[in-house]
């Protein structure tokens, strides 16, 4: 950091109860007198470590029968530009009828529209082979989910390159490439928080069990890269995702799934990189994320926005996340809007989440918690009230080259965030180059779409601003700023009994 004036202060404090009064908390105190403590954090860590150990022991790839089927054996004609979809589908169907096995793409390029996976089928794109998505929308017939969810009613997500519903023992693997060719020229459309007509996903897996996605390289979807909804025993291991070609280019979306491992993977996405959702309105629980890199120009690691279902027991460890580095592809900016963003705005409960040993780089807001009241559900459903966001731990979090906005946690007056612990946090931010927002002037905006940029490019504190939160504990926390910044390091609600 030579050549910079680096402000350093170390925080040890706790905050219990309270409403938004704009009181600047004392720094370097042993603890506030009304501290609620963090006695719940140690049992939570033990429980989540045990959960992760059990997942690691028991969640293994399913045993694929030795049978191999190829499109060439099922009528694929030779020649550049020949649509391989019918031959690939015949190979998939034959594989399933035989009791399962591998459908192997191994001889160069395969141009295809929608492929429907069946139970017992592992789709392999071998080293040197490419599965190329057709750029003709007519090659993507709609597949409407049999069980309606918020994603179908509000997002219109009915087209994809690879689709499965109600299957067991399915997967995608191989050292080859799946290229969605999803550029704005091939698949034009507007950036949206609603429907994405004319822009298929690459992978959509619904209501399936024993799903394995390993080693594959995924590139340039017209929209989200992959969506796993209401699945059980989902294993994602060693994948590489580069989704920097279009709007709404999420990297990996896991919705209402149970017993999940994501490990040893790299994602660089224009939109959210690693994103959890609750639109399936089923409980999502027992999830392990480890040894991954997540980069995004939106949110690198996120829960939301759809949060209609409950979400609990999540352990994230040994990850690097933030904005894309200069040697990575990026069609927007280089900084992420948010590093770790947990958002509950559609009812539902998010609880018992621990992130430890994480490095956050190039994020405008490294940490973001939002409890709001948008209340988006299916049209025939009653609007829910505010949800619950509680028992959240950030432990051994470091990082630098972050932006000037600052981290912030905010609920609303009738729904406060509860029980949050920051421990051994050391984050470096850029100094403000514009006036900061005044805390008392920041609206609650309960129904606004939640994103870290929702209020201001410069928040009231360079480290952490907190409002409508009960039992916030900071232990050995340090926020640094490169240069001079008139803002306080931490600004939070008053402490009340």
Protein backbone atom coordinates (compact mmCIF):
# COMPACT_ATOMS: atom_id res chain seq x y z
CA UNK A 1 0.00 0.00 0.00
CA UNK A 2 2.97 2.31 -0.39
CA UNK A 3 2.11 5.79 -1.61
CA UNK A 4 -1.33 5.74 0.02
CA UNK A 5 -2.62 7.09 3.30
CA UNK A 6 -4.15 3.95 4.78
CA UNK A 7 -6.57 4.60 7.63
CA UNK A 8 -6.64 1.70 10.10
CA UNK A 9 -8.88 1.09 13.08
CA UNK A 10 -9.78 -2.13 14.81
CA UNK A 11 -13.28 -2.89 16.07
CA UNK A 12 -14.52 -5.04 18.90
CA UNK A 13 -18.13 -4.31 19.77
CA UNK A 14 -21.59 -5.74 20.08
CA UNK A 15 -25.00 -4.25 19.48
CA UNK A 16 -28.32 -5.51 20.78
CA UNK A 17 -31.84 -4.32 19.92
CA UNK A 18 -32.50 -0.82 18.69
CA UNK A 19 -34.06 1.23 15.95
CA UNK A 20 -32.39 3.45 13.39
CA UNK A 21 -31.10 6.48 15.26
CA UNK A 22 -27.90 7.11 13.36
CA UNK A 23 -25.66 6.77 16.40
CA UNK A 24 -21.97 6.25 15.64
CA UNK A 25 -20.82 3.30 17.70
CA UNK A 26 -17.65 3.57 19.80
CA UNK A 27 -14.56 1.95 18.26
CA UNK A 28 -12.12 -0.43 19.95
CA UNK A 29 -14.35 -0.89 22.99
CA UNK A 30 -14.42 -4.26 24.72
CA UNK A 31 -18.17 -4.59 24.18
CA UNK A 32 -21.26 -2.47 24.37
CA UNK A 33 -23.11 -2.78 27.64
CA UNK A 34 -26.22 -4.15 25.97
CA UNK A 35 -24.36 -6.83 24.01
CA UNK A 36 -26.47 -9.86 23.25
CA UNK A 37 -23.31 -11.87 22.61
CA UNK A 38 -22.70 -14.59 20.07
CA UNK A 39 -23.03 -17.74 22.14
CA UNK A 40 -25.13 -19.22 19.34
CA UNK A 41 -22.23 -19.07 16.84
CA UNK A 42 -20.07 -21.88 18.23
CA UNK A 43 -22.86 -24.50 18.21
CA UNK A 44 -23.82 -23.33 14.72
CA UNK A 45 -20.25 -23.86 13.51
CA UNK A 46 -20.19 -27.37 15.00
CA UNK A 47 -23.51 -28.26 13.42
CA UNK A 48 -22.49 -26.99 9.98
CA UNK A 49 -19.10 -28.70 10.11
CA UNK A 50 -20.89 -31.96 10.93
CA UNK A 51 -23.35 -31.37 8.10
CA UNK A 52 -20.48 -30.77 5.66
CA UNK A 53 -18.65 -33.88 6.80
CA UNK A 54 -21.74 -35.99 6.31
CA UNK A 55 -22.38 -34.52 2.85
CA UNK A 56 -18.78 -35.18 1.86
CA UNK A 57 -19.05 -38.82 2.97
CA UNK A 58 -22.40 -39.57 1.41
CA UNK A 59 -22.98 -37.30 -1.60
CA UNK A 60 -21.02 -39.10 -4.31
CA UNK A 61 -21.46 -39.34 -8.09
CA UNK A 62 -23.93 -42.05 -9.00
CA UNK A 63 -22.49 -45.15 -10.65
CA UNK A 64 -22.86 -44.81 -14.43
CA UNK A 65 -23.36 -48.11 -16.30
CA UNK A 66 -20.56 -48.94 -18.75
CA UNK A 67 -22.82 -48.66 -21.82
CA UNK A 68 -21.92 -45.86 -24.28
CA UNK A 69 -24.23 -44.37 -26.90
CA UNK A 70 -23.26 -41.85 -29.58
CA UNK A 71 -25.17 -39.61 -31.97
CA UNK A 72 -23.15 -41.08 -34.84
CA UNK A 73 -24.65 -44.50 -34.09
CA UNK A 74 -28.12 -42.96 -34.12
CA UNK A 75 -28.21 -41.29 -37.53
CA UNK A 76 -26.09 -38.15 -37.23
CA UNK A 77 -25.18 -37.07 -40.73
CA UNK A 78 -21.72 -35.73 -41.41
CA UNK A 79 -21.18 -32.13 -42.41
CA UNK A 80 -20.76 -28.65 -40.98
CA UNK A 81 -23.97 -26.98 -39.81
CA UNK A 82 -26.01 -30.17 -39.61
CA UNK A 83 -28.43 -30.00 -36.67
CA UNK A 84 -27.48 -32.85 -34.34
CA UNK A 85 -30.50 -32.57 -32.03
CA UNK A 86 -32.49 -35.53 -33.40
CA UNK A 87 -29.51 -37.91 -33.31
CA UNK A 88 -28.44 -36.80 -29.82
CA UNK A 89 -32.01 -37.22 -28.55
CA UNK A 90 -32.27 -40.69 -30.06
CA UNK A 91 -29.03 -41.63 -28.31
CA UNK A 92 -30.39 -40.27 -25.01
CA UNK A 93 -33.65 -42.18 -25.39
CA UNK A 94 -31.86 -45.41 -26.32
CA UNK A 95 -29.53 -45.03 -23.34
CA UNK A 96 -32.45 -44.59 -20.95
CA UNK A 97 -34.34 -47.55 -22.46
CA UNK A 98 -31.27 -49.76 -21.98
CA UNK A 99 -31.12 -48.92 -18.28
CA UNK A 100 -28.71 -46.01 -18.38
CA UNK A 101 -25.17 -45.19 -19.40
CA UNK A 102 -23.21 -42.45 -21.16
CA UNK A 103 -24.21 -40.47 -24.23
CA UNK A 104 -20.86 -39.34 -25.57
CA UNK A 105 -20.13 -36.40 -27.88
CA UNK A 106 -16.56 -36.98 -28.96
CA UNK A 107 -15.96 -36.01 -32.59
CA UNK A 108 -15.71 -32.24 -33.00
CA UNK A 109 -18.70 -29.89 -33.05
CA UNK A 110 -22.34 -30.79 -32.39
CA UNK A 111 -24.90 -28.12 -33.29
CA UNK A 112 -28.08 -28.58 -31.29
CA UNK A 113 -31.31 -27.23 -29.96
CA UNK A 114 -33.08 -28.59 -26.88
CA UNK A 115 -31.92 -31.97 -25.56
CA UNK A 116 -34.19 -33.64 -22.99
CA UNK A 117 -32.31 -35.82 -20.52
CA UNK A 118 -33.80 -39.05 -19.16
CA UNK A 119 -33.20 -40.97 -15.95
CA UNK A 120 -29.94 -42.88 -15.91
CA UNK A 121 -28.26 -40.78 -18.62
CA UNK A 122 -24.87 -39.08 -18.28
CA UNK A 123 -24.27 -36.64 -21.15
CA UNK A 124 -20.54 -36.43 -21.81
CA UNK A 125 -18.88 -33.76 -23.93
CA UNK A 126 -15.44 -35.28 -24.31
CA UNK A 127 -12.15 -33.43 -24.52
CA UNK A 128 -11.87 -31.70 -27.90
CA UNK A 129 -15.62 -31.82 -28.55
CA UNK A 130 -18.03 -28.88 -28.46
CA UNK A 131 -21.79 -28.79 -27.98
CA UNK A 132 -22.82 -25.62 -29.82
CA UNK A 133 -26.21 -24.09 -29.11
CA UNK A 134 -28.32 -23.32 -32.16
CA UNK A 135 -29.02 -19.62 -32.71
CA UNK A 136 -32.47 -20.39 -34.12
CA UNK A 137 -35.16 -20.02 -31.44
CA UNK A 138 -37.35 -22.52 -33.27
CA UNK A 139 -34.89 -25.20 -32.13
CA UNK A 140 -35.90 -24.56 -28.48
CA UNK A 141 -39.48 -25.80 -27.95
CA UNK A 142 -41.04 -24.61 -24.71
CA UNK A 143 -40.96 -26.97 -21.73
CA UNK A 144 -43.36 -25.71 -19.09
CA UNK A 145 -42.81 -27.15 -15.65
CA UNK A 146 -45.48 -29.57 -14.47
CA UNK A 147 -45.35 -28.03 -11.01
CA UNK A 148 -45.79 -24.24 -11.23
CA UNK A 149 -43.27 -22.01 -9.49
CA UNK A 150 -42.61 -18.30 -9.23
CA UNK A 151 -39.92 -18.62 -11.89
CA UNK A 152 -42.48 -19.80 -14.43
CA UNK A 153 -45.21 -17.31 -13.58
CA UNK A 154 -43.01 -14.23 -13.22
CA UNK A 155 -39.95 -15.01 -15.33
CA UNK A 156 -41.24 -17.07 -18.26
CA UNK A 157 -38.28 -19.46 -18.19
CA UNK A 158 -39.38 -22.17 -20.58
CA UNK A 159 -36.58 -22.64 -23.11
CA UNK A 160 -33.20 -24.26 -22.61
CA UNK A 161 -30.49 -26.22 -24.41
CA UNK A 162 -30.47 -29.09 -21.89
CA UNK A 163 -33.68 -29.86 -19.97
CA UNK A 164 -34.72 -32.48 -17.43
CA UNK A 165 -37.74 -32.81 -15.18
CA UNK A 166 -38.66 -35.52 -12.68
CA UNK A 167 -35.55 -37.62 -13.39
CA UNK A 168 -33.17 -39.61 -11.21
CA UNK A 169 -29.48 -40.25 -11.80
CA UNK A 170 -28.71 -37.73 -14.52
CA UNK A 171 -25.65 -35.68 -15.26
CA UNK A 172 -23.37 -33.72 -17.54
CA UNK A 173 -19.63 -34.19 -17.60
CA UNK A 174 -16.53 -34.24 -19.77
CA UNK A 175 -13.52 -32.10 -20.53
CA UNK A 176 -15.16 -30.49 -23.57
CA UNK A 177 -17.08 -27.24 -24.07
CA UNK A 178 -20.76 -26.32 -24.10
CA UNK A 179 -21.01 -23.00 -25.94
CA UNK A 180 -24.35 -21.20 -25.75
CA UNK A 181 -23.28 -18.67 -28.41
CA UNK A 182 -25.52 -16.29 -26.52
CA UNK A 183 -24.26 -12.94 -27.74
CA UNK A 184 -26.57 -9.97 -28.01
CA UNK A 185 -26.36 -10.24 -31.81
CA UNK A 186 -27.57 -13.86 -31.73
CA UNK A 187 -30.11 -13.41 -28.91
CA UNK A 188 -31.15 -9.76 -28.54
CA UNK A 189 -33.16 -8.67 -25.54
CA UNK A 190 -33.32 -6.18 -22.72
CA UNK A 191 -31.82 -6.53 -19.27
CA UNK A 192 -34.69 -7.33 -16.95
CA UNK A 193 -35.82 -8.46 -13.52
CA UNK A 194 -38.82 -10.15 -15.14
CA UNK A 195 -39.31 -12.35 -18.17
CA UNK A 196 -36.49 -13.00 -20.62
CA UNK A 197 -38.30 -13.90 -23.87
CA UNK A 198 -36.16 -15.20 -26.71
CA UNK A 199 -33.14 -15.96 -24.54
CA UNK A 200 -32.89 -19.64 -23.51
CA UNK A 201 -30.93 -21.06 -20.60
CA UNK A 202 -28.20 -23.59 -21.26
CA UNK A 203 -29.18 -26.03 -18.47
CA UNK A 204 -32.50 -26.28 -16.64
CA UNK A 205 -33.04 -29.20 -14.25
CA UNK A 206 -36.35 -29.42 -12.32
CA UNK A 207 -37.55 -31.82 -9.60
CA UNK A 208 -34.68 -34.26 -10.11
CA UNK A 209 -32.64 -36.48 -7.76
CA UNK A 210 -28.99 -37.53 -7.90
CA UNK A 211 -27.74 -34.87 -10.30
CA UNK A 212 -24.03 -34.68 -11.15
CA UNK A 213 -22.33 -31.92 -13.17
CA UNK A 214 -18.55 -32.36 -13.33
CA UNK A 215 -15.50 -30.96 -15.10
CA UNK A 216 -17.43 -29.36 -17.95
CA UNK A 217 -16.62 -25.92 -19.43
CA UNK A 218 -19.73 -23.77 -19.96
CA UNK A 219 -19.61 -20.59 -22.00
CA UNK A 220 -21.86 -17.73 -23.14
CA UNK A 221 -25.49 -18.49 -22.44
CA UNK A 222 -28.17 -16.23 -23.95
CA UNK A 223 -29.49 -15.85 -20.36
CA UNK A 224 -28.82 -17.76 -17.14
CA UNK A 225 -26.25 -20.49 -17.62
CA UNK A 226 -27.82 -23.14 -15.38
CA UNK A 227 -30.80 -23.49 -13.07
CA UNK A 228 -31.41 -26.39 -10.67
CA UNK A 229 -34.87 -26.19 -9.08
CA UNK A 230 -36.18 -28.44 -6.29
CA UNK A 231 -33.45 -31.03 -6.76
CA UNK A 232 -32.03 -33.42 -4.18
CA UNK A 233 -28.48 -34.74 -3.98
CA UNK A 234 -26.97 -32.20 -6.35
CA UNK A 235 -23.20 -32.43 -6.88
CA UNK A 236 -21.37 -29.79 -8.91
CA UNK A 237 -17.63 -30.33 -9.04
CA UNK A 238 -14.81 -28.82 -11.06
CA UNK A 239 -16.85 -26.85 -13.58
CA UNK A 240 -15.68 -23.70 -15.35
CA UNK A 241 -18.28 -21.11 -16.29
CA UNK A 242 -17.63 -18.03 -18.42
CA UNK A 243 -20.90 -16.19 -18.91
CA UNK A 244 -20.02 -12.73 -20.19
CA UNK A 245 -21.99 -12.42 -23.42
CA UNK A 246 -25.41 -10.92 -22.72
CA UNK A 247 -27.78 -9.46 -20.13
CA UNK A 248 -28.93 -11.61 -17.19
CA UNK A 249 -25.88 -13.84 -17.56
CA UNK A 250 -26.04 -15.65 -14.21
CA UNK A 251 -23.41 -18.31 -13.65
CA UNK A 252 -25.11 -20.86 -11.37
CA UNK A 253 -28.62 -20.67 -9.87
CA UNK A 254 -29.68 -23.22 -7.26
CA UNK A 255 -33.32 -22.93 -6.24
CA UNK A 256 -35.06 -24.77 -3.38
CA UNK A 257 -32.59 -27.69 -3.44
CA UNK A 258 -31.55 -30.01 -0.64
CA UNK A 259 -28.25 -31.81 -0.03
CA UNK A 260 -25.99 -29.83 -2.32
CA UNK A 261 -22.23 -29.61 -2.84
CA UNK A 262 -20.57 -27.05 -5.11
CA UNK A 263 -16.78 -27.34 -5.06
CA UNK A 264 -13.57 -26.75 -7.01
CA UNK A 265 -15.36 -24.51 -9.51
CA UNK A 266 -14.68 -21.22 -11.30
CA UNK A 267 -17.45 -18.84 -12.38
CA UNK A 268 -17.13 -15.49 -14.14
CA UNK A 269 -20.57 -14.02 -14.85
CA UNK A 270 -22.01 -10.74 -16.07
CA UNK A 271 -24.91 -11.13 -13.64
CA UNK A 272 -24.97 -13.04 -10.35
CA UNK A 273 -22.23 -15.67 -10.23
CA UNK A 274 -23.30 -18.14 -7.49
CA UNK A 275 -26.95 -17.48 -6.70
CA UNK A 276 -29.46 -19.25 -4.45
CA UNK A 277 -33.21 -18.76 -4.77
CA UNK A 278 -36.43 -19.90 -3.11
CA UNK A 279 -38.87 -19.55 -6.01
CA UNK A 280 -39.56 -23.29 -5.90
CA UNK A 281 -41.20 -22.64 -2.52
CA UNK A 282 -39.61 -25.73 -1.01
CA UNK A 283 -37.10 -25.68 1.84
CA UNK A 284 -33.47 -25.39 0.69
CA UNK A 285 -31.06 -26.84 3.22
CA UNK A 286 -27.82 -28.69 3.87
CA UNK A 287 -25.58 -27.00 1.36
CA UNK A 288 -21.77 -26.94 1.17
CA UNK A 289 -19.82 -24.54 -1.06
CA UNK A 290 -16.04 -24.92 -0.95
CA UNK A 291 -12.80 -24.21 -2.81
CA UNK A 292 -14.40 -22.03 -5.48
CA UNK A 293 -13.86 -18.73 -7.27
CA UNK A 294 -16.90 -16.56 -8.03
CA UNK A 295 -16.56 -13.37 -10.08
CA UNK A 296 -19.38 -11.12 -11.21
CA UNK A 297 -20.20 -7.59 -12.26
CA UNK A 298 -23.40 -7.92 -10.20
CA UNK A 299 -23.31 -10.12 -7.07
CA UNK A 300 -20.57 -12.71 -6.70
CA UNK A 301 -22.30 -14.82 -4.03
CA UNK A 302 -25.99 -14.24 -3.43
CA UNK A 303 -29.24 -15.41 -1.98
CA UNK A 304 -32.20 -13.77 -3.75
CA UNK A 305 -34.01 -12.09 -5.04
CA UNK A 306 -36.78 -14.68 -4.99
CA UNK A 307 -37.04 -15.84 -1.38
CA UNK A 308 -40.46 -17.41 -1.15
CA UNK A 309 -39.13 -20.64 0.40
CA UNK A 310 -37.08 -21.21 3.54
CA UNK A 311 -33.33 -21.55 3.36
CA UNK A 312 -31.07 -22.89 6.11
CA UNK A 313 -27.89 -24.77 7.02
CA UNK A 314 -25.37 -23.41 4.54
CA UNK A 315 -21.59 -23.54 4.88
CA UNK A 316 -19.36 -21.59 2.50
CA UNK A 317 -15.61 -21.98 2.97
CA UNK A 318 -12.33 -21.34 1.21
CA UNK A 319 -13.63 -19.11 -1.57
CA UNK A 320 -12.38 -16.10 -3.52
CA UNK A 321 -15.03 -13.78 -4.92
CA UNK A 322 -15.69 -10.31 -6.27
CA UNK A 323 -15.31 -8.57 -9.61
CA UNK A 324 -13.49 -9.94 -12.66
CA UNK A 325 -9.75 -9.29 -12.83
CA UNK A 326 -8.22 -7.47 -15.78
CA UNK A 327 -7.30 -10.75 -17.48
CA UNK A 328 -10.89 -12.09 -17.32
CA UNK A 329 -13.69 -11.41 -19.77
CA UNK A 330 -16.13 -8.69 -18.71
CA UNK A 331 -18.74 -6.84 -20.78
CA UNK A 332 -19.54 -4.38 -18.00
CA UNK A 333 -17.44 -2.93 -15.21
CA UNK A 334 -14.60 -4.62 -13.36
CA UNK A 335 -16.06 -4.34 -9.86
CA UNK A 336 -18.85 -6.47 -8.48
CA UNK A 337 -21.88 -4.62 -7.19
CA UNK A 338 -21.87 -6.91 -4.16
CA UNK A 339 -19.45 -9.48 -2.82
CA UNK A 340 -21.64 -11.57 -0.48
CA UNK A 341 -25.29 -10.50 -0.74
CA UNK A 342 -27.97 -12.19 1.37
CA UNK A 343 -31.43 -10.85 0.49
CA UNK A 344 -34.87 -11.78 1.84
CA UNK A 345 -37.68 -9.73 0.28
CA UNK A 346 -40.45 -12.22 -0.64
CA UNK A 347 -41.24 -13.80 2.70
CA UNK A 348 -39.36 -16.94 3.65
CA UNK A 349 -36.62 -17.47 6.21
CA UNK A 350 -32.87 -17.37 5.67
CA UNK A 351 -30.99 -18.64 8.71
CA UNK A 352 -27.95 -20.58 9.90
CA UNK A 353 -25.50 -19.45 7.24
CA UNK A 354 -21.73 -19.38 7.82
CA UNK A 355 -19.09 -18.05 5.44
CA UNK A 356 -15.50 -18.49 6.55
CA UNK A 357 -12.09 -18.12 4.98
CA UNK A 358 -13.31 -15.96 2.13
CA UNK A 359 -11.38 -13.34 0.19
CA UNK A 360 -13.40 -10.51 -1.36
CA UNK A 361 -11.81 -8.36 -4.07
CA UNK A 362 -13.09 -5.68 -6.41
CA UNK A 363 -16.54 -5.33 -4.80
CA UNK A 364 -18.31 -2.01 -4.33
CA UNK A 365 -20.05 -3.45 -1.25
CA UNK A 366 -18.18 -6.51 0.05
CA UNK A 367 -21.00 -7.46 2.48
CA UNK A 368 -24.72 -6.77 1.97
CA UNK A 369 -27.71 -7.91 4.04
CA UNK A 370 -31.21 -6.86 3.05
CA UNK A 371 -34.51 -7.77 4.68
CA UNK A 372 -37.32 -6.17 2.70
CA UNK A 373 -40.98 -6.58 1.82
CA UNK A 374 -41.46 -6.95 -1.94
CA UNK A 375 -43.75 -9.97 -1.52
CA UNK A 376 -43.48 -11.49 -5.01
CA UNK A 377 -45.34 -14.81 -5.29
CA UNK A 378 -47.40 -16.60 -7.94
CA UNK A 379 -50.45 -14.59 -9.14
CA UNK A 380 -52.94 -16.90 -7.41
CA UNK A 381 -51.15 -16.72 -4.05
CA UNK A 382 -51.67 -14.32 -1.18
CA UNK A 383 -48.93 -11.78 -0.74
CA UNK A 384 -46.69 -12.73 2.20
CA UNK A 385 -45.45 -10.38 4.85
CA UNK A 386 -41.78 -9.72 5.55
CA UNK A 387 -39.60 -12.77 6.04
CA UNK A 388 -36.84 -13.59 8.51
CA UNK A 389 -33.07 -13.08 8.19
CA UNK A 390 -31.05 -14.32 11.16
CA UNK A 391 -28.09 -16.30 12.49
CA UNK A 392 -25.55 -15.14 9.90
CA UNK A 393 -21.79 -15.49 10.45
CA UNK A 394 -18.87 -13.98 8.52
CA UNK A 395 -15.61 -15.41 9.87
CA UNK A 396 -12.06 -14.79 8.63
CA UNK A 397 -13.04 -12.53 5.75
CA UNK A 398 -10.29 -10.54 4.02
CA UNK A 399 -9.82 -8.62 0.79
CA UNK A 400 -8.73 -5.44 -0.93
CA UNK A 401 -9.20 -3.35 -4.07
CA UNK A 402 -12.84 -2.88 -3.09
CA UNK A 403 -14.92 0.14 -4.03
CA UNK A 404 -15.98 3.17 -2.05
CA UNK A 405 -19.62 2.37 -1.35
CA UNK A 406 -19.10 0.41 1.86
CA UNK A 407 -20.88 -2.63 3.25
CA UNK A 408 -24.34 -2.26 4.74
CA UNK A 409 -27.02 -4.27 6.53
CA UNK A 410 -30.58 -3.00 6.55
CA UNK A 411 -33.97 -4.36 7.45
CA UNK A 412 -37.19 -2.39 7.67
CA UNK A 413 -38.90 -0.99 10.74
CA UNK A 414 -41.37 -3.87 11.03
CA UNK A 415 -38.87 -6.62 10.19
CA UNK A 416 -35.39 -6.45 11.64
CA UNK A 417 -32.37 -8.59 10.83
CA UNK A 418 -31.33 -10.64 13.88
CA UNK A 419 -28.14 -12.22 15.20
CA UNK A 420 -25.25 -11.38 12.89
CA UNK A 421 -21.60 -11.98 13.76
CA UNK A 422 -18.52 -10.57 12.02
CA UNK A 423 -15.31 -12.07 13.35
CA UNK A 424 -11.73 -11.61 12.15
CA UNK A 425 -12.71 -9.41 9.23
CA UNK A 426 -10.08 -7.30 7.43
CA UNK A 427 -11.35 -5.46 4.33
CA UNK A 428 -9.80 -2.56 2.45
CA UNK A 429 -11.98 -0.01 0.65
CA UNK A 430 -11.40 2.94 -1.65
CA UNK A 431 -11.87 6.42 -0.25
CA UNK A 432 -15.01 8.30 -1.23
CA UNK A 433 -14.77 10.65 -4.21
CA UNK A 434 -18.36 11.87 -3.89
CA UNK A 435 -20.58 13.03 -1.01
CA UNK A 436 -21.89 10.29 1.22
CA UNK A 437 -25.55 9.56 1.74
CA UNK A 438 -26.91 10.86 5.04
CA UNK A 439 -28.16 7.94 7.12
CA UNK A 440 -31.42 9.57 8.25
CA UNK A 441 -32.27 10.46 4.64
CA UNK A 442 -31.96 6.92 3.27
CA UNK A 443 -35.48 5.62 2.62
CA UNK A 444 -36.62 2.21 3.84
CA UNK A 445 -37.95 1.35 0.35
CA UNK A 446 -39.31 -2.01 1.55
CA UNK A 447 -40.62 -3.13 -1.86
CA UNK A 448 -37.66 -1.99 -3.96
CA UNK A 449 -35.64 -4.57 -5.88
CA UNK A 450 -32.71 -5.39 -3.56
CA UNK A 451 -29.22 -4.70 -4.84
CA UNK A 452 -26.23 -3.06 -3.14
CA UNK A 453 -26.57 -0.02 -5.42
CA UNK A 454 -30.19 0.57 -4.37
CA UNK A 455 -29.52 3.65 -2.22
CA UNK A 456 -26.29 5.43 -3.07
CA UNK A 457 -22.85 5.09 -4.64
CA UNK A 458 -21.37 6.25 -1.31
CA UNK A 459 -23.00 4.95 1.86
CA UNK A 460 -22.78 6.67 5.28
CA UNK A 461 -19.79 4.61 6.52
CA UNK A 462 -16.73 3.46 4.60
CA UNK A 463 -16.72 0.16 6.49
CA UNK A 464 -20.21 -0.83 7.62
CA UNK A 465 -23.55 0.93 7.96
CA UNK A 466 -26.31 -0.99 9.80
CA UNK A 467 -29.98 -0.19 10.35
CA UNK A 468 -32.94 -2.17 11.71
CA UNK A 469 -30.80 -4.97 13.06
CA UNK A 470 -30.82 -6.73 16.43
CA UNK A 471 -27.78 -8.34 18.02
CA UNK A 472 -25.00 -7.35 15.68
CA UNK A 473 -21.60 -8.45 17.01
CA UNK A 474 -18.19 -7.41 15.64
CA UNK A 475 -15.09 -9.17 16.95
CA UNK A 476 -11.62 -8.25 15.74
CA UNK A 477 -13.01 -6.39 12.74
CA UNK A 478 -10.93 -3.95 10.72
CA UNK A 479 -12.08 -1.83 7.82
CA UNK A 480 -9.33 0.14 6.10
CA UNK A 481 -9.54 2.87 3.53
CA UNK A 482 -6.91 3.81 0.96
CA UNK A 483 -6.61 7.58 1.20
CA UNK A 484 -8.59 9.97 3.38
CA UNK A 485 -12.28 9.50 4.01
CA UNK A 486 -14.39 11.71 6.26
CA UNK A 487 -16.98 8.99 6.85
CA UNK A 488 -16.92 6.93 10.04
CA UNK A 489 -15.70 3.39 9.91
CA UNK A 490 -18.94 1.99 11.34
CA UNK A 491 -22.32 3.67 11.72
CA UNK A 492 -25.15 1.68 13.27
CA UNK A 493 -28.42 1.79 15.13
CA UNK A 494 -28.47 2.99 18.70
CA UNK A 495 -28.24 0.29 21.33
CA UNK A 496 -31.42 -0.01 23.39
CA UNK A 497 -32.60 -2.44 26.04
